PDB file of all heavy atoms in Angstrom:
ATOM      1  N   GLU A   1       4.447 -14.343 -17.395  1.00  0.00           N
ATOM      2  CA  GLU A   1       3.643 -15.232 -16.703  1.00  0.00           C
ATOM      3  C   GLU A   1       4.234 -16.585 -16.551  1.00  0.00           C
ATOM      4  O   GLU A   1       5.157 -16.941 -17.327  1.00  0.00           O
ATOM      5  CB  GLU A   1       2.163 -15.340 -17.339  1.00  0.00           C
ATOM      6  CG  GLU A   1       2.324 -15.711 -18.826  1.00  0.00           C
ATOM      7  CD  GLU A   1       1.046 -15.411 -19.500  1.00  0.00           C
ATOM      8  OE1 GLU A   1       0.618 -14.337 -19.804  1.00  0.00           O
ATOM      9  OE2 GLU A   1       0.399 -16.622 -19.745  1.00  0.00           O
ATOM     10  N   GLU A   2       3.717 -17.444 -15.507  1.00  0.00           N
ATOM     11  CA  GLU A   2       4.355 -18.690 -15.404  1.00  0.00           C
ATOM     12  C   GLU A   2       3.402 -19.763 -15.947  1.00  0.00           C
ATOM     13  O   GLU A   2       2.264 -19.719 -15.821  1.00  0.00           O
ATOM     14  CB  GLU A   2       4.452 -18.978 -13.847  1.00  0.00           C
ATOM     15  CG  GLU A   2       5.495 -18.081 -13.129  1.00  0.00           C
ATOM     16  CD  GLU A   2       5.593 -18.310 -11.649  1.00  0.00           C
ATOM     17  OE1 GLU A   2       4.866 -19.116 -11.107  1.00  0.00           O
ATOM     18  OE2 GLU A   2       6.447 -17.727 -11.188  1.00  0.00           O
ATOM     19  N   GLY A   3       3.996 -20.778 -16.417  1.00  0.00           N
ATOM     20  CA  GLY A   3       3.310 -22.048 -16.878  1.00  0.00           C
ATOM     21  C   GLY A   3       2.502 -21.804 -18.079  1.00  0.00           C
ATOM     22  O   GLY A   3       2.450 -20.726 -18.738  1.00  0.00           O
ATOM     23  N   CYS A   4       1.822 -22.785 -18.464  1.00  0.00           N
ATOM     24  CA  CYS A   4       1.002 -22.783 -19.844  1.00  0.00           C
ATOM     25  C   CYS A   4      -0.514 -22.957 -19.486  1.00  0.00           C
ATOM     26  O   CYS A   4      -1.225 -22.757 -20.304  1.00  0.00           O
ATOM     27  CB  CYS A   4       1.356 -23.967 -20.747  1.00  0.00           C
ATOM     28  SG  CYS A   4       3.209 -24.078 -21.071  1.00  0.00           S
ATOM     29  N   GLY A   5      -0.756 -23.331 -18.181  1.00  0.00           N
ATOM     30  CA  GLY A   5      -2.170 -23.600 -17.899  1.00  0.00           C
ATOM     31  C   GLY A   5      -2.943 -22.408 -17.434  1.00  0.00           C
ATOM     32  O   GLY A   5      -3.602 -22.528 -16.430  1.00  0.00           O
ATOM     33  N   GLY A   6      -2.840 -21.384 -18.138  1.00  0.00           N
ATOM     34  CA  GLY A   6      -3.719 -20.198 -17.692  1.00  0.00           C
ATOM     35  C   GLY A   6      -2.764 -19.097 -17.073  1.00  0.00           C
ATOM     36  O   GLY A   6      -1.537 -19.347 -16.831  1.00  0.00           O
ATOM     37  N   PHE A   7      -3.267 -17.914 -16.847  1.00  0.00           N
ATOM     38  CA  PHE A   7      -2.490 -16.890 -16.414  1.00  0.00           C
ATOM     39  C   PHE A   7      -2.262 -16.986 -14.875  1.00  0.00           C
ATOM     40  O   PHE A   7      -3.170 -17.056 -14.139  1.00  0.00           O
ATOM     41  CB  PHE A   7      -3.257 -15.513 -16.770  1.00  0.00           C
ATOM     42  CG  PHE A   7      -2.576 -14.323 -16.228  1.00  0.00           C
ATOM     43  CD1 PHE A   7      -1.388 -13.903 -16.961  1.00  0.00           C
ATOM     44  CD2 PHE A   7      -2.969 -13.485 -15.193  1.00  0.00           C
ATOM     45  CE1 PHE A   7      -0.721 -12.825 -16.553  1.00  0.00           C
ATOM     46  CE2 PHE A   7      -2.319 -12.454 -14.867  1.00  0.00           C
ATOM     47  CZ  PHE A   7      -1.148 -12.072 -15.485  1.00  0.00           C
ATOM     48  N   GLN A   8      -0.963 -16.903 -14.472  1.00  0.00           N
ATOM     49  CA  GLN A   8      -0.490 -16.834 -13.242  1.00  0.00           C
ATOM     50  C   GLN A   8       0.039 -15.377 -12.938  1.00  0.00           C
ATOM     51  O   GLN A   8       0.907 -15.173 -13.674  1.00  0.00           O
ATOM     52  CB  GLN A   8       0.467 -17.907 -12.868  1.00  0.00           C
ATOM     53  CG  GLN A   8      -0.047 -19.468 -13.097  1.00  0.00           C
ATOM     54  CD  GLN A   8      -0.941 -19.828 -11.994  1.00  0.00           C
ATOM     55  OE1 GLN A   8      -0.812 -19.401 -10.817  1.00  0.00           O
ATOM     56  NE2 GLN A   8      -1.979 -20.524 -12.390  1.00  0.00           N
ATOM     57  N   PRO A   9      -0.368 -14.692 -11.994  1.00  0.00           N
ATOM     58  CA  PRO A   9       0.106 -13.358 -11.825  1.00  0.00           C
ATOM     59  C   PRO A   9       1.389 -13.229 -10.916  1.00  0.00           C
ATOM     60  O   PRO A   9       1.283 -12.645  -9.940  1.00  0.00           O
ATOM     61  CB  PRO A   9      -1.062 -12.652 -11.283  1.00  0.00           C
ATOM     62  CG  PRO A   9      -1.751 -13.652 -10.385  1.00  0.00           C
ATOM     63  CD  PRO A   9      -1.602 -14.979 -11.185  1.00  0.00           C
ATOM     64  N   PRO A  10       2.524 -13.682 -11.359  1.00  0.00           N
ATOM     65  CA  PRO A  10       3.726 -13.640 -10.534  1.00  0.00           C
ATOM     66  C   PRO A  10       4.259 -12.131 -10.585  1.00  0.00           C
ATOM     67  O   PRO A  10       4.979 -11.803  -9.669  1.00  0.00           O
ATOM     68  CB  PRO A  10       4.615 -14.549 -11.221  1.00  0.00           C
ATOM     69  CG  PRO A  10       4.455 -14.460 -12.609  1.00  0.00           C
ATOM     70  CD  PRO A  10       2.833 -14.427 -12.563  1.00  0.00           C
ATOM     71  N   TRP A  11       3.635 -11.349 -11.380  1.00  0.00           N
ATOM     72  CA  TRP A  11       4.224  -9.911 -11.631  1.00  0.00           C
ATOM     73  C   TRP A  11       3.604  -8.975 -10.707  1.00  0.00           C
ATOM     74  O   TRP A  11       4.091  -7.837 -10.621  1.00  0.00           O
ATOM     75  CB  TRP A  11       4.005  -9.568 -13.042  1.00  0.00           C
ATOM     76  CG  TRP A  11       2.591  -9.728 -13.537  1.00  0.00           C
ATOM     77  CD1 TRP A  11       2.041 -10.838 -14.240  1.00  0.00           C
ATOM     78  CD2 TRP A  11       1.509  -8.843 -13.332  1.00  0.00           C
ATOM     79  NE1 TRP A  11       0.811 -10.681 -14.500  1.00  0.00           N
ATOM     80  CE2 TRP A  11       0.538  -9.387 -14.019  1.00  0.00           C
ATOM     81  CE3 TRP A  11       1.329  -7.566 -12.787  1.00  0.00           C
ATOM     82  CZ2 TRP A  11      -0.855  -8.772 -13.906  1.00  0.00           C
ATOM     83  CZ3 TRP A  11       0.168  -7.006 -12.841  1.00  0.00           C
ATOM     84  CH2 TRP A  11      -0.975  -7.659 -13.385  1.00  0.00           C
ATOM     85  N   HIS A  12       2.598  -9.360  -9.955  1.00  0.00           N
ATOM     86  CA  HIS A  12       1.968  -8.480  -9.059  1.00  0.00           C
ATOM     87  C   HIS A  12       3.049  -7.909  -8.032  1.00  0.00           C
ATOM     88  O   HIS A  12       3.630  -8.803  -7.303  1.00  0.00           O
ATOM     89  CB  HIS A  12       0.726  -9.047  -8.291  1.00  0.00           C
ATOM     90  CG  HIS A  12      -0.487  -9.052  -9.200  1.00  0.00           C
ATOM     91  ND1 HIS A  12      -1.045  -8.013  -9.753  1.00  0.00           N
ATOM     92  CD2 HIS A  12      -1.298 -10.122  -9.501  1.00  0.00           C
ATOM     93  CE1 HIS A  12      -2.099  -8.371 -10.465  1.00  0.00           C
ATOM     94  NE2 HIS A  12      -2.325  -9.580 -10.391  1.00  0.00           N
ATOM     95  N   PRO A  13       3.038  -6.559  -7.919  1.00  0.00           N
ATOM     96  CA  PRO A  13       3.996  -6.103  -6.943  1.00  0.00           C
ATOM     97  C   PRO A  13       3.493  -6.386  -5.463  1.00  0.00           C
ATOM     98  O   PRO A  13       2.268  -6.374  -5.241  1.00  0.00           O
ATOM     99  CB  PRO A  13       3.915  -4.614  -7.091  1.00  0.00           C
ATOM    100  CG  PRO A  13       3.151  -4.331  -8.400  1.00  0.00           C
ATOM    101  CD  PRO A  13       2.484  -5.617  -8.667  1.00  0.00           C
ATOM    102  N   LEU A  14       4.411  -6.714  -4.592  1.00  0.00           N
ATOM    103  CA  LEU A  14       4.026  -6.902  -3.257  1.00  0.00           C
ATOM    104  C   LEU A  14       4.519  -5.662  -2.497  1.00  0.00           C
ATOM    105  O   LEU A  14       5.770  -5.413  -2.397  1.00  0.00           O
ATOM    106  CB  LEU A  14       4.737  -8.140  -2.645  1.00  0.00           C
ATOM    107  CG  LEU A  14       4.789  -8.397  -1.180  1.00  0.00           C
ATOM    108  CD1 LEU A  14       3.290  -8.745  -0.681  1.00  0.00           C
ATOM    109  CD2 LEU A  14       5.665  -9.447  -0.777  1.00  0.00           C
ATOM    110  N   PHE A  15       3.686  -4.942  -1.868  1.00  0.00           N
ATOM    111  CA  PHE A  15       3.950  -3.781  -1.157  1.00  0.00           C
ATOM    112  C   PHE A  15       3.567  -3.884   0.271  1.00  0.00           C
ATOM    113  O   PHE A  15       2.456  -4.447   0.551  1.00  0.00           O
ATOM    114  CB  PHE A  15       3.233  -2.485  -1.756  1.00  0.00           C
ATOM    115  CG  PHE A  15       3.574  -2.163  -3.258  1.00  0.00           C
ATOM    116  CD1 PHE A  15       2.678  -2.215  -4.143  1.00  0.00           C
ATOM    117  CD2 PHE A  15       4.907  -1.773  -3.395  1.00  0.00           C
ATOM    118  CE1 PHE A  15       2.981  -1.931  -5.341  1.00  0.00           C
ATOM    119  CE2 PHE A  15       5.152  -1.407  -4.812  1.00  0.00           C
ATOM    120  CZ  PHE A  15       4.251  -1.591  -5.759  1.00  0.00           C
ATOM    121  N   THR A  16       4.350  -3.204   1.127  1.00  0.00           N
ATOM    122  CA  THR A  16       3.992  -3.031   2.503  1.00  0.00           C
ATOM    123  C   THR A  16       4.194  -1.580   2.671  1.00  0.00           C
ATOM    124  O   THR A  16       5.341  -1.118   2.893  1.00  0.00           O
ATOM    125  CB  THR A  16       4.842  -3.878   3.466  1.00  0.00           C
ATOM    126  OG1 THR A  16       4.756  -5.258   3.249  1.00  0.00           O
ATOM    127  CG2 THR A  16       4.312  -3.690   4.955  1.00  0.00           C
ATOM    128  N   PHE A  17       3.120  -0.819   2.604  1.00  0.00           N
ATOM    129  CA  PHE A  17       3.307   0.733   2.679  1.00  0.00           C
ATOM    130  C   PHE A  17       3.331   1.141   4.160  1.00  0.00           C
ATOM    131  O   PHE A  17       2.719   0.581   4.993  1.00  0.00           O
ATOM    132  CB  PHE A  17       2.119   1.340   1.935  1.00  0.00           C
ATOM    133  CG  PHE A  17       2.076   1.226   0.569  1.00  0.00           C
ATOM    134  CD1 PHE A  17       1.104   0.632  -0.025  1.00  0.00           C
ATOM    135  CD2 PHE A  17       3.120   1.776  -0.264  1.00  0.00           C
ATOM    136  CE1 PHE A  17       1.000   0.447  -1.543  1.00  0.00           C
ATOM    137  CE2 PHE A  17       3.138   1.539  -1.622  1.00  0.00           C
ATOM    138  CZ  PHE A  17       2.029   0.942  -2.298  1.00  0.00           C
ATOM    139  N   SER A  18       4.184   2.020   4.315  1.00  0.00           N
ATOM    140  CA  SER A  18       4.235   2.678   5.617  1.00  0.00           C
ATOM    141  C   SER A  18       3.440   3.855   5.764  1.00  0.00           C
ATOM    142  O   SER A  18       2.925   4.294   4.736  1.00  0.00           O
ATOM    143  CB  SER A  18       5.738   3.088   5.874  1.00  0.00           C
ATOM    144  OG  SER A  18       6.062   4.083   4.847  1.00  0.00           O
ATOM    145  N   PRO A  19       3.150   4.396   6.907  1.00  0.00           N
ATOM    146  CA  PRO A  19       2.347   5.526   7.001  1.00  0.00           C
ATOM    147  C   PRO A  19       2.949   6.798   6.507  1.00  0.00           C
ATOM    148  O   PRO A  19       2.240   7.760   6.313  1.00  0.00           O
ATOM    149  CB  PRO A  19       2.066   5.572   8.596  1.00  0.00           C
ATOM    150  CG  PRO A  19       3.256   4.883   9.231  1.00  0.00           C
ATOM    151  CD  PRO A  19       3.616   3.800   8.166  1.00  0.00           C
ATOM    152  N   HIS A  20       4.261   6.728   6.095  1.00  0.00           N
ATOM    153  CA  HIS A  20       4.798   7.920   5.601  1.00  0.00           C
ATOM    154  C   HIS A  20       4.262   8.190   4.207  1.00  0.00           C
ATOM    155  O   HIS A  20       4.065   7.571   3.326  1.00  0.00           O
ATOM    156  CB  HIS A  20       6.256   7.745   5.448  1.00  0.00           C
ATOM    157  CG  HIS A  20       7.114   8.834   4.807  1.00  0.00           C
ATOM    158  ND1 HIS A  20       7.427  10.027   5.567  1.00  0.00           N
ATOM    159  CD2 HIS A  20       7.584   9.073   3.580  1.00  0.00           C
ATOM    160  CE1 HIS A  20       7.989  10.904   4.807  1.00  0.00           C
ATOM    161  NE2 HIS A  20       8.064  10.289   3.649  1.00  0.00           N
ATOM    162  N   THR A  21       3.862   9.570   4.119  1.00  0.00           N
ATOM    163  CA  THR A  21       3.343   9.995   2.830  1.00  0.00           C
ATOM    164  C   THR A  21       4.296  10.983   2.251  1.00  0.00           C
ATOM    165  O   THR A  21       4.616  12.048   2.862  1.00  0.00           O
ATOM    166  CB  THR A  21       1.952  10.698   3.109  1.00  0.00           C
ATOM    167  OG1 THR A  21       1.103   9.738   3.695  1.00  0.00           O
ATOM    168  CG2 THR A  21       1.400  11.083   1.675  1.00  0.00           C
ATOM    169  N   GLY A  22       4.639  10.786   0.961  1.00  0.00           N
ATOM    170  CA  GLY A  22       5.588  11.594   0.232  1.00  0.00           C
ATOM    171  C   GLY A  22       4.880  12.783  -0.303  1.00  0.00           C
ATOM    172  O   GLY A  22       3.552  12.823  -0.287  1.00  0.00           O
ATOM    173  N   PRO A  23       5.551  13.640  -1.073  1.00  0.00           N
ATOM    174  CA  PRO A  23       4.820  14.719  -1.786  1.00  0.00           C
ATOM    175  C   PRO A  23       3.917  14.160  -2.991  1.00  0.00           C
ATOM    176  O   PRO A  23       4.175  13.047  -3.446  1.00  0.00           O
ATOM    177  CB  PRO A  23       6.056  15.439  -2.429  1.00  0.00           C
ATOM    178  CG  PRO A  23       7.222  15.029  -1.731  1.00  0.00           C
ATOM    179  CD  PRO A  23       6.927  13.697  -1.136  1.00  0.00           C
ATOM    180  N   ASP A  24       2.894  14.862  -3.231  1.00  0.00           N
ATOM    181  CA  ASP A  24       2.074  14.431  -4.251  1.00  0.00           C
ATOM    182  C   ASP A  24       2.535  14.870  -5.632  1.00  0.00           C
ATOM    183  O   ASP A  24       2.814  16.110  -5.878  1.00  0.00           O
ATOM    184  CB  ASP A  24       0.583  15.179  -3.985  1.00  0.00           C
ATOM    185  CG  ASP A  24      -0.407  14.702  -4.928  1.00  0.00           C
ATOM    186  OD1 ASP A  24      -0.138  13.779  -5.816  1.00  0.00           O
ATOM    187  OD2 ASP A  24      -1.528  15.216  -4.741  1.00  0.00           O
ATOM    188  N   CYS A  25       2.621  14.076  -6.542  1.00  0.00           N
ATOM    189  CA  CYS A  25       3.183  14.366  -7.847  1.00  0.00           C
ATOM    190  C   CYS A  25       2.137  14.589  -8.877  1.00  0.00           C
ATOM    191  O   CYS A  25       2.485  14.855 -10.124  1.00  0.00           O
ATOM    192  CB  CYS A  25       4.175  13.208  -8.349  1.00  0.00           C
ATOM    193  SG  CYS A  25       3.392  11.695  -8.719  1.00  0.00           S
ATOM    194  N   ARG A  26       0.901  14.582  -8.542  1.00  0.00           N
ATOM    195  CA  ARG A  26      -0.251  14.809  -9.491  1.00  0.00           C
ATOM    196  C   ARG A  26      -0.170  16.257 -10.204  1.00  0.00           C
ATOM    197  O   ARG A  26      -0.459  16.479 -11.161  1.00  0.00           O
ATOM    198  CB  ARG A  26      -1.536  14.701  -8.805  1.00  0.00           C
ATOM    199  CG  ARG A  26      -1.884  13.151  -8.755  1.00  0.00           C
ATOM    200  CD  ARG A  26      -3.337  13.105  -8.226  1.00  0.00           C
ATOM    201  NE  ARG A  26      -3.180  13.351  -6.737  1.00  0.00           N
ATOM    202  CZ  ARG A  26      -3.883  12.815  -5.746  1.00  0.00           C
ATOM    203  NH1 ARG A  26      -4.741  11.875  -6.126  1.00  0.00           N
ATOM    204  NH2 ARG A  26      -3.699  13.158  -4.617  1.00  0.00           N
ATOM    205  N   ALA A  27       0.421  17.186  -9.342  1.00  0.00           N
ATOM    206  CA  ALA A  27       0.535  18.556  -9.794  1.00  0.00           C
ATOM    207  C   ALA A  27       1.623  18.676 -10.872  1.00  0.00           C
ATOM    208  O   ALA A  27       1.594  19.537 -11.825  1.00  0.00           O
ATOM    209  CB  ALA A  27       0.918  19.568  -8.679  1.00  0.00           C
ATOM    210  N   LEU A  28       2.738  17.841 -10.772  1.00  0.00           N
ATOM    211  CA  LEU A  28       3.834  17.808 -11.718  1.00  0.00           C
ATOM    212  C   LEU A  28       3.520  16.862 -12.936  1.00  0.00           C
ATOM    213  O   LEU A  28       4.004  17.253 -14.068  1.00  0.00           O
ATOM    214  CB  LEU A  28       5.106  17.327 -11.067  1.00  0.00           C
ATOM    215  CG  LEU A  28       5.459  18.259  -9.991  1.00  0.00           C
ATOM    216  CD1 LEU A  28       6.815  17.548  -9.298  1.00  0.00           C
ATOM    217  CD2 LEU A  28       6.025  19.672 -10.533  1.00  0.00           C
ATOM    218  N   CYS A  29       2.915  15.743 -12.871  1.00  0.00           N
ATOM    219  CA  CYS A  29       2.715  14.770 -13.846  1.00  0.00           C
ATOM    220  C   CYS A  29       1.335  14.698 -14.145  1.00  0.00           C
ATOM    221  O   CYS A  29       0.424  14.402 -13.448  1.00  0.00           O
ATOM    222  CB  CYS A  29       3.280  13.481 -13.300  1.00  0.00           C
ATOM    223  SG  CYS A  29       5.021  13.545 -12.768  1.00  0.00           S
ATOM    224  N   ALA A  30       0.906  14.701 -15.487  1.00  0.00           N
ATOM    225  CA  ALA A  30      -0.368  14.723 -16.010  1.00  0.00           C
ATOM    226  C   ALA A  30      -1.170  13.625 -15.419  1.00  0.00           C
ATOM    227  O   ALA A  30      -2.466  13.744 -15.122  1.00  0.00           O
ATOM    228  CB  ALA A  30      -0.328  14.619 -17.614  1.00  0.00           C
ATOM    229  N   GLU A  31      -0.627  12.466 -15.481  1.00  0.00           N
ATOM    230  CA  GLU A  31      -1.368  11.157 -15.062  1.00  0.00           C
ATOM    231  C   GLU A  31      -1.170  10.931 -13.511  1.00  0.00           C
ATOM    232  O   GLU A  31      -1.779  10.118 -12.964  1.00  0.00           O
ATOM    233  CB  GLU A  31      -0.870   9.976 -15.803  1.00  0.00           C
ATOM    234  CG  GLU A  31      -1.069  10.158 -17.295  1.00  0.00           C
ATOM    235  CD  GLU A  31      -2.483  10.174 -17.667  1.00  0.00           C
ATOM    236  OE1 GLU A  31      -3.279   9.491 -17.006  1.00  0.00           O
ATOM    237  OE2 GLU A  31      -2.786  10.906 -18.636  1.00  0.00           O
ATOM    238  N   GLY A  32      -0.123  11.653 -12.841  1.00  0.00           N
ATOM    239  CA  GLY A  32      -0.003  11.474 -11.403  1.00  0.00           C
ATOM    240  C   GLY A  32       0.828  10.195 -11.101  1.00  0.00           C
ATOM    241  O   GLY A  32       0.682   9.692  -9.944  1.00  0.00           O
ATOM    242  N   HIS A  33       1.597   9.885 -12.047  1.00  0.00           N
ATOM    243  CA  HIS A  33       2.532   8.686 -11.825  1.00  0.00           C
ATOM    244  C   HIS A  33       3.899   9.121 -11.845  1.00  0.00           C
ATOM    245  O   HIS A  33       4.381   9.619 -12.894  1.00  0.00           O
ATOM    246  CB  HIS A  33       2.294   7.550 -12.928  1.00  0.00           C
ATOM    247  CG  HIS A  33       0.833   7.162 -12.993  1.00  0.00           C
ATOM    248  ND1 HIS A  33       0.135   6.568 -12.019  1.00  0.00           N
ATOM    249  CD2 HIS A  33      -0.091   7.513 -13.968  1.00  0.00           C
ATOM    250  CE1 HIS A  33      -1.092   6.409 -12.270  1.00  0.00           C
ATOM    251  NE2 HIS A  33      -1.290   6.925 -13.472  1.00  0.00           N
ATOM    252  N   CYS A  34       4.825   8.850 -10.824  1.00  0.00           N
ATOM    253  CA  CYS A  34       6.075   9.504 -10.745  1.00  0.00           C
ATOM    254  C   CYS A  34       7.056   8.584  -9.941  1.00  0.00           C
ATOM    255  O   CYS A  34       6.617   7.835  -9.111  1.00  0.00           O
ATOM    256  CB  CYS A  34       6.118  10.883 -10.303  1.00  0.00           C
ATOM    257  SG  CYS A  34       5.461  11.096  -8.637  1.00  0.00           S
ATOM    258  N   TRP A  35       8.357   8.719 -10.217  1.00  0.00           N
ATOM    259  CA  TRP A  35       9.337   8.060  -9.585  1.00  0.00           C
ATOM    260  C   TRP A  35      10.024   8.916  -8.530  1.00  0.00           C
ATOM    261  O   TRP A  35      10.834   8.479  -7.678  1.00  0.00           O
ATOM    262  CB  TRP A  35      10.489   7.577 -10.487  1.00  0.00           C
ATOM    263  CG  TRP A  35       9.966   6.639 -11.490  1.00  0.00           C
ATOM    264  CD1 TRP A  35       9.526   6.691 -12.735  1.00  0.00           C
ATOM    265  CD2 TRP A  35       9.978   5.182 -11.239  1.00  0.00           C
ATOM    266  NE1 TRP A  35       9.286   5.529 -13.304  1.00  0.00           N
ATOM    267  CE2 TRP A  35       9.499   4.516 -12.435  1.00  0.00           C
ATOM    268  CE3 TRP A  35      10.233   4.382 -10.102  1.00  0.00           C
ATOM    269  CZ2 TRP A  35       9.388   3.099 -12.487  1.00  0.00           C
ATOM    270  CZ3 TRP A  35      10.198   3.004 -10.161  1.00  0.00           C
ATOM    271  CH2 TRP A  35       9.640   2.347 -11.437  1.00  0.00           C
ATOM    272  N   GLY A  36       9.713  10.205  -8.574  1.00  0.00           N
ATOM    273  CA  GLY A  36      10.304  11.180  -7.723  1.00  0.00           C
ATOM    274  C   GLY A  36       9.625  12.527  -7.697  1.00  0.00           C
ATOM    275  O   GLY A  36       8.516  12.673  -8.348  1.00  0.00           O
ATOM    276  N   GLU A  37      10.124  13.510  -7.038  1.00  0.00           N
ATOM    277  CA  GLU A  37       9.383  14.771  -6.847  1.00  0.00           C
ATOM    278  C   GLU A  37       9.637  15.864  -7.951  1.00  0.00           C
ATOM    279  O   GLU A  37       9.101  16.872  -7.886  1.00  0.00           O
ATOM    280  CB  GLU A  37       9.571  15.340  -5.557  1.00  0.00           C
ATOM    281  CG  GLU A  37      10.970  15.393  -5.025  1.00  0.00           C
ATOM    282  CD  GLU A  37      11.089  15.854  -3.554  1.00  0.00           C
ATOM    283  OE1 GLU A  37      10.356  16.793  -3.103  1.00  0.00           O
ATOM    284  OE2 GLU A  37      11.926  15.123  -2.919  1.00  0.00           O
TER     285      GLU A  37
END
């Protein structure tokens, strides 16, 4: 975090998602969070 005067969220990811949808990894990963297929 930045500064001392409270929480500044510089860590939030900035995404511009495209309409492209990749494979669904929920079937492979218990929590549905993955880096690849």
